Amino acid sequence: MAKPKYSPETKLAVVNHYLSGKDGEQSTADLFGIERTSVRRWVRAWQFHGAEGLTAKNNHYSDEFKLVVVRAVISDRLTMREAAARFNLSAEILVRRWLDVYNDAGAEGL
């Protein structure tokens, strides 16, 4: 696995700064030299999973796990962002891809 661009310590510093209420997403992003979406993603990961949510993610997911995620999105009406945060996924686009495959080929396609 490639070395993560930002350490868990850096991510935690960003989360703590944002949650302190001193700055909003964009100001926090500017202060740390990161994208605003990273601030949002890291805060949400921390809220769902604590410090564990800020560590490197799995790059391979089992078919069973993908199906659990897809079914949760459908039954709980989750957004891609909510599903990625809830299941501690590396990227929201994974959820979209899995949903597309599921809609095209069913559970067997995953």
N, C-alpha and C. Protein backbone atom coordinates (compact mmCIF):
# COMPACT_ATOMS: atom_id res chain seq x y z
N MET A 1 0.84 -1.17 0.00
CA MET A 1 0.00 0.00 0.00
C MET A 1 0.89 1.24 0.00
N ALA A 2 0.53 2.22 -0.78
CA ALA A 2 1.30 3.47 -0.84
C ALA A 2 1.19 4.23 0.47
N LYS A 3 2.22 4.99 0.74
CA LYS A 3 2.23 5.80 1.96
C LYS A 3 1.13 6.86 1.86
N PRO A 4 0.32 7.00 2.92
CA PRO A 4 -0.74 8.01 2.88
C PRO A 4 -0.14 9.42 2.76
N LYS A 5 -0.86 10.29 2.09
CA LYS A 5 -0.39 11.65 1.89
C LYS A 5 -0.35 12.43 3.20
N TYR A 6 -1.31 12.17 4.07
CA TYR A 6 -1.38 12.86 5.36
C TYR A 6 -1.39 11.83 6.48
N SER A 7 -0.64 12.10 7.52
CA SER A 7 -0.57 11.18 8.65
C SER A 7 -1.85 11.27 9.48
N PRO A 8 -2.13 10.22 10.25
CA PRO A 8 -3.29 10.29 11.15
C PRO A 8 -3.19 11.47 12.13
N GLU A 9 -1.97 11.80 12.52
CA GLU A 9 -1.78 12.92 13.44
C GLU A 9 -2.18 14.25 12.79
N THR A 10 -1.82 14.41 11.53
CA THR A 10 -2.21 15.63 10.80
C THR A 10 -3.72 15.69 10.66
N LYS A 11 -4.31 14.57 10.29
CA LYS A 11 -5.76 14.53 10.14
C LYS A 11 -6.46 14.87 11.45
N LEU A 12 -5.94 14.33 12.56
CA LEU A 12 -6.53 14.62 13.86
C LEU A 12 -6.39 16.09 14.22
N ALA A 13 -5.27 16.69 13.88
CA ALA A 13 -5.08 18.12 14.13
C ALA A 13 -6.10 18.94 13.35
N VAL A 14 -6.35 18.55 12.11
CA VAL A 14 -7.35 19.24 11.29
C VAL A 14 -8.74 19.10 11.92
N VAL A 15 -9.08 17.88 12.30
CA VAL A 15 -10.39 17.62 12.92
C VAL A 15 -10.55 18.43 14.20
N ASN A 16 -9.53 18.39 15.06
CA ASN A 16 -9.61 19.12 16.32
C ASN A 16 -9.76 20.62 16.09
N HIS A 17 -9.02 21.14 15.13
CA HIS A 17 -9.11 22.58 14.84
C HIS A 17 -10.52 22.93 14.37
N TYR A 18 -11.03 22.16 13.43
CA TYR A 18 -12.36 22.44 12.90
C TYR A 18 -13.42 22.33 14.00
N LEU A 19 -13.35 21.27 14.81
CA LEU A 19 -14.36 21.07 15.85
C LEU A 19 -14.25 22.06 16.99
N SER A 20 -13.12 22.75 17.10
CA SER A 20 -12.97 23.77 18.14
C SER A 20 -13.88 24.97 17.86
N GLY A 21 -14.35 25.07 16.61
CA GLY A 21 -15.24 26.16 16.24
C GLY A 21 -14.53 27.44 15.86
N LYS A 22 -13.21 27.41 15.83
CA LYS A 22 -12.44 28.61 15.47
C LYS A 22 -12.63 29.00 14.01
N ASP A 23 -12.73 28.00 13.15
CA ASP A 23 -12.84 28.24 11.71
C ASP A 23 -13.83 27.27 11.10
N GLY A 24 -14.36 27.63 9.93
CA GLY A 24 -15.21 26.75 9.16
C GLY A 24 -14.37 25.81 8.31
N GLU A 25 -15.04 25.06 7.45
CA GLU A 25 -14.34 24.08 6.60
C GLU A 25 -13.29 24.74 5.72
N GLN A 26 -13.67 25.79 5.00
CA GLN A 26 -12.74 26.40 4.05
C GLN A 26 -11.56 27.04 4.76
N SER A 27 -11.80 27.75 5.86
CA SER A 27 -10.70 28.39 6.59
C SER A 27 -9.75 27.35 7.18
N THR A 28 -10.31 26.26 7.68
CA THR A 28 -9.48 25.17 8.20
C THR A 28 -8.65 24.57 7.07
N ALA A 29 -9.28 24.34 5.93
CA ALA A 29 -8.56 23.79 4.77
C ALA A 29 -7.43 24.72 4.35
N ASP A 30 -7.70 26.01 4.29
CA ASP A 30 -6.67 26.98 3.90
C ASP A 30 -5.52 26.99 4.90
N LEU A 31 -5.85 26.94 6.18
CA LEU A 31 -4.83 26.96 7.22
C LEU A 31 -3.88 25.77 7.12
N PHE A 32 -4.43 24.59 6.80
CA PHE A 32 -3.62 23.37 6.74
C PHE A 32 -3.15 23.04 5.32
N GLY A 33 -3.56 23.84 4.34
CA GLY A 33 -3.13 23.60 2.96
C GLY A 33 -3.72 22.35 2.34
N ILE A 34 -4.99 22.08 2.64
CA ILE A 34 -5.66 20.89 2.13
C ILE A 34 -6.96 21.29 1.45
N GLU A 35 -7.61 20.34 0.82
CA GLU A 35 -8.90 20.58 0.19
C GLU A 35 -10.01 20.65 1.24
N ARG A 36 -11.01 21.46 0.98
CA ARG A 36 -12.15 21.58 1.90
C ARG A 36 -12.85 20.23 2.07
N THR A 37 -12.93 19.45 0.99
CA THR A 37 -13.59 18.16 1.08
C THR A 37 -12.86 17.21 2.00
N SER A 38 -11.54 17.37 2.12
CA SER A 38 -10.77 16.54 3.06
C SER A 38 -11.18 16.85 4.49
N VAL A 39 -11.37 18.12 4.79
CA VAL A 39 -11.82 18.50 6.14
C VAL A 39 -13.14 17.81 6.45
N ARG A 40 -14.08 17.94 5.54
CA ARG A 40 -15.41 17.34 5.74
C ARG A 40 -15.31 15.83 5.91
N ARG A 41 -14.54 15.18 5.04
CA ARG A 41 -14.41 13.72 5.08
C ARG A 41 -13.76 13.24 6.37
N TRP A 42 -12.69 13.92 6.81
CA TRP A 42 -12.00 13.51 8.02
C TRP A 42 -12.84 13.75 9.27
N VAL A 43 -13.57 14.85 9.30
CA VAL A 43 -14.44 15.12 10.46
C VAL A 43 -15.52 14.05 10.54
N ARG A 44 -16.12 13.74 9.41
CA ARG A 44 -17.18 12.72 9.40
C ARG A 44 -16.61 11.35 9.80
N ALA A 45 -15.44 10.99 9.30
CA ALA A 45 -14.81 9.72 9.65
C ALA A 45 -14.53 9.67 11.15
N TRP A 46 -14.06 10.77 11.70
CA TRP A 46 -13.77 10.82 13.14
C TRP A 46 -15.07 10.71 13.95
N GLN A 47 -16.14 11.35 13.50
CA GLN A 47 -17.41 11.29 14.22
C GLN A 47 -17.98 9.88 14.24
N PHE A 48 -17.79 9.13 13.16
CA PHE A 48 -18.31 7.77 13.10
C PHE A 48 -17.38 6.75 13.75
N HIS A 49 -16.06 6.92 13.61
CA HIS A 49 -15.13 5.86 13.99
C HIS A 49 -14.03 6.29 14.95
N GLY A 50 -14.03 7.53 15.39
CA GLY A 50 -12.96 8.00 16.26
C GLY A 50 -11.63 8.03 15.52
N ALA A 51 -10.55 7.93 16.27
CA ALA A 51 -9.21 8.01 15.68
C ALA A 51 -8.97 6.93 14.63
N GLU A 52 -9.61 5.78 14.79
CA GLU A 52 -9.46 4.69 13.82
C GLU A 52 -9.92 5.11 12.42
N GLY A 53 -10.88 6.01 12.37
CA GLY A 53 -11.39 6.48 11.09
C GLY A 53 -10.40 7.34 10.32
N LEU A 54 -9.31 7.75 10.98
CA LEU A 54 -8.32 8.62 10.34
C LEU A 54 -7.09 7.86 9.87
N THR A 55 -7.08 6.56 10.02
CA THR A 55 -5.94 5.75 9.59
C THR A 55 -6.15 5.29 8.15
N ALA A 56 -5.11 4.71 7.57
CA ALA A 56 -5.16 4.23 6.18
C ALA A 56 -6.29 3.22 6.02
N LYS A 57 -6.93 3.26 4.87
CA LYS A 57 -8.08 2.41 4.61
C LYS A 57 -7.69 1.16 3.82
N ASN A 58 -8.57 0.19 3.89
CA ASN A 58 -8.45 -1.03 3.12
C ASN A 58 -8.61 -0.70 1.63
N ASN A 59 -7.86 -1.35 0.79
CA ASN A 59 -8.00 -1.14 -0.65
C ASN A 59 -8.74 -2.28 -1.33
N HIS A 60 -9.09 -3.30 -0.58
CA HIS A 60 -9.82 -4.43 -1.16
C HIS A 60 -10.98 -4.77 -0.22
N TYR A 61 -12.15 -4.90 -0.79
CA TYR A 61 -13.35 -5.19 -0.01
C TYR A 61 -13.99 -6.46 -0.55
N SER A 62 -14.45 -7.31 0.34
CA SER A 62 -15.07 -8.56 -0.07
C SER A 62 -16.42 -8.30 -0.73
N ASP A 63 -16.87 -9.27 -1.52
CA ASP A 63 -18.18 -9.15 -2.16
C ASP A 63 -19.29 -9.05 -1.12
N GLU A 64 -19.14 -9.77 -0.01
CA GLU A 64 -20.13 -9.73 1.05
C GLU A 64 -20.21 -8.34 1.67
N PHE A 65 -19.06 -7.73 1.88
CA PHE A 65 -19.03 -6.38 2.45
C PHE A 65 -19.69 -5.38 1.50
N LYS A 66 -19.37 -5.49 0.22
CA LYS A 66 -19.97 -4.60 -0.78
C LYS A 66 -21.49 -4.71 -0.76
N LEU A 67 -21.98 -5.93 -0.64
CA LEU A 67 -23.43 -6.15 -0.61
C LEU A 67 -24.05 -5.53 0.64
N VAL A 68 -23.38 -5.65 1.77
CA VAL A 68 -23.86 -5.02 3.01
C VAL A 68 -23.98 -3.51 2.82
N VAL A 69 -22.96 -2.91 2.21
CA VAL A 69 -22.97 -1.46 1.98
C VAL A 69 -24.11 -1.08 1.04
N VAL A 70 -24.24 -1.79 -0.07
CA VAL A 70 -25.29 -1.49 -1.05
C VAL A 70 -26.67 -1.62 -0.40
N ARG A 71 -26.89 -2.68 0.34
CA ARG A 71 -28.20 -2.87 0.98
C ARG A 71 -28.48 -1.78 2.02
N ALA A 72 -27.45 -1.35 2.73
CA ALA A 72 -27.62 -0.27 3.70
C ALA A 72 -27.98 1.04 3.00
N VAL A 73 -27.34 1.31 1.87
CA VAL A 73 -27.64 2.52 1.11
C VAL A 73 -29.10 2.50 0.67
N ILE A 74 -29.54 1.37 0.19
CA ILE A 74 -30.91 1.26 -0.31
C ILE A 74 -31.93 1.31 0.83
N SER A 75 -31.73 0.49 1.86
CA SER A 75 -32.73 0.41 2.93
C SER A 75 -32.73 1.63 3.84
N ASP A 76 -31.56 2.19 4.10
CA ASP A 76 -31.47 3.35 5.00
C ASP A 76 -31.47 4.68 4.26
N ARG A 77 -31.54 4.61 2.92
CA ARG A 77 -31.54 5.81 2.06
C ARG A 77 -30.34 6.72 2.36
N LEU A 78 -29.17 6.10 2.40
CA LEU A 78 -27.94 6.84 2.68
C LEU A 78 -27.43 7.53 1.42
N THR A 79 -26.80 8.67 1.59
CA THR A 79 -26.08 9.28 0.48
C THR A 79 -24.75 8.55 0.34
N MET A 80 -24.06 8.79 -0.76
CA MET A 80 -22.74 8.18 -0.96
C MET A 80 -21.80 8.60 0.17
N ARG A 81 -21.86 9.88 0.52
CA ARG A 81 -21.00 10.41 1.58
C ARG A 81 -21.31 9.75 2.92
N GLU A 82 -22.59 9.59 3.23
CA GLU A 82 -22.98 8.96 4.49
C GLU A 82 -22.53 7.50 4.55
N ALA A 83 -22.69 6.79 3.44
CA ALA A 83 -22.28 5.39 3.40
C ALA A 83 -20.77 5.25 3.54
N ALA A 84 -20.03 6.10 2.85
CA ALA A 84 -18.56 6.04 2.95
C ALA A 84 -18.12 6.30 4.38
N ALA A 85 -18.76 7.25 5.05
CA ALA A 85 -18.40 7.55 6.43
C ALA A 85 -18.81 6.41 7.36
N ARG A 86 -20.02 5.91 7.21
CA ARG A 86 -20.51 4.86 8.10
C ARG A 86 -19.65 3.60 8.01
N PHE A 87 -19.23 3.26 6.80
CA PHE A 87 -18.48 2.02 6.59
C PHE A 87 -16.97 2.25 6.49
N ASN A 88 -16.54 3.47 6.77
CA ASN A 88 -15.11 3.81 6.79
C ASN A 88 -14.41 3.45 5.48
N LEU A 89 -15.03 3.83 4.38
CA LEU A 89 -14.48 3.54 3.06
C LEU A 89 -13.46 4.59 2.64
N SER A 90 -12.56 4.19 1.77
CA SER A 90 -11.51 5.10 1.33
C SER A 90 -12.03 6.21 0.43
N ALA A 91 -13.16 5.99 -0.27
CA ALA A 91 -13.68 7.01 -1.18
C ALA A 91 -15.17 6.79 -1.41
N GLU A 92 -15.89 7.89 -1.56
CA GLU A 92 -17.33 7.83 -1.82
C GLU A 92 -17.65 7.18 -3.16
N ILE A 93 -16.77 7.32 -4.13
CA ILE A 93 -17.01 6.79 -5.46
C ILE A 93 -17.16 5.26 -5.45
N LEU A 94 -16.57 4.60 -4.46
CA LEU A 94 -16.72 3.15 -4.35
C LEU A 94 -18.19 2.78 -4.21
N VAL A 95 -18.90 3.52 -3.39
CA VAL A 95 -20.32 3.24 -3.17
C VAL A 95 -21.09 3.38 -4.48
N ARG A 96 -20.82 4.43 -5.23
CA ARG A 96 -21.49 4.64 -6.51
C ARG A 96 -21.20 3.48 -7.46
N ARG A 97 -19.96 3.05 -7.54
CA ARG A 97 -19.59 1.94 -8.43
C ARG A 97 -20.32 0.66 -8.03
N TRP A 98 -20.33 0.38 -6.73
CA TRP A 98 -20.99 -0.84 -6.25
C TRP A 98 -22.49 -0.79 -6.52
N LEU A 99 -23.10 0.37 -6.34
CA LEU A 99 -24.53 0.51 -6.63
C LEU A 99 -24.80 0.31 -8.12
N ASP A 100 -23.96 0.86 -8.96
CA ASP A 100 -24.13 0.70 -10.40
C ASP A 100 -24.04 -0.77 -10.80
N VAL A 101 -23.05 -1.46 -10.26
CA VAL A 101 -22.89 -2.89 -10.56
C VAL A 101 -24.09 -3.67 -10.05
N TYR A 102 -24.52 -3.36 -8.84
CA TYR A 102 -25.67 -4.04 -8.24
C TYR A 102 -26.93 -3.81 -9.08
N ASN A 103 -27.13 -2.59 -9.53
CA ASN A 103 -28.32 -2.29 -10.34
C ASN A 103 -28.27 -2.96 -11.71
N ASP A 104 -27.07 -3.13 -12.25
CA ASP A 104 -26.91 -3.77 -13.57
C ASP A 104 -26.93 -5.29 -13.51
N ALA A 105 -26.26 -5.86 -12.50
CA ALA A 105 -26.05 -7.31 -12.48
C ALA A 105 -26.52 -8.00 -11.20
N GLY A 106 -27.04 -7.24 -10.25
CA GLY A 106 -27.49 -7.84 -9.00
C GLY A 106 -26.31 -8.18 -8.10
N ALA A 107 -26.60 -8.89 -7.03
CA ALA A 107 -25.58 -9.24 -6.04
C ALA A 107 -24.46 -10.07 -6.65
N GLU A 108 -24.78 -10.85 -7.67
CA GLU A 108 -23.76 -11.70 -8.31
C GLU A 108 -22.69 -10.87 -9.00
N GLY A 109 -23.02 -9.66 -9.40
CA GLY A 109 -22.07 -8.80 -10.09
C GLY A 109 -21.00 -8.21 -9.19
N LEU A 110 -21.29 -8.17 -7.90
CA LEU A 110 -20.33 -7.58 -6.98
C LEU A 110 -19.15 -8.52 -6.82
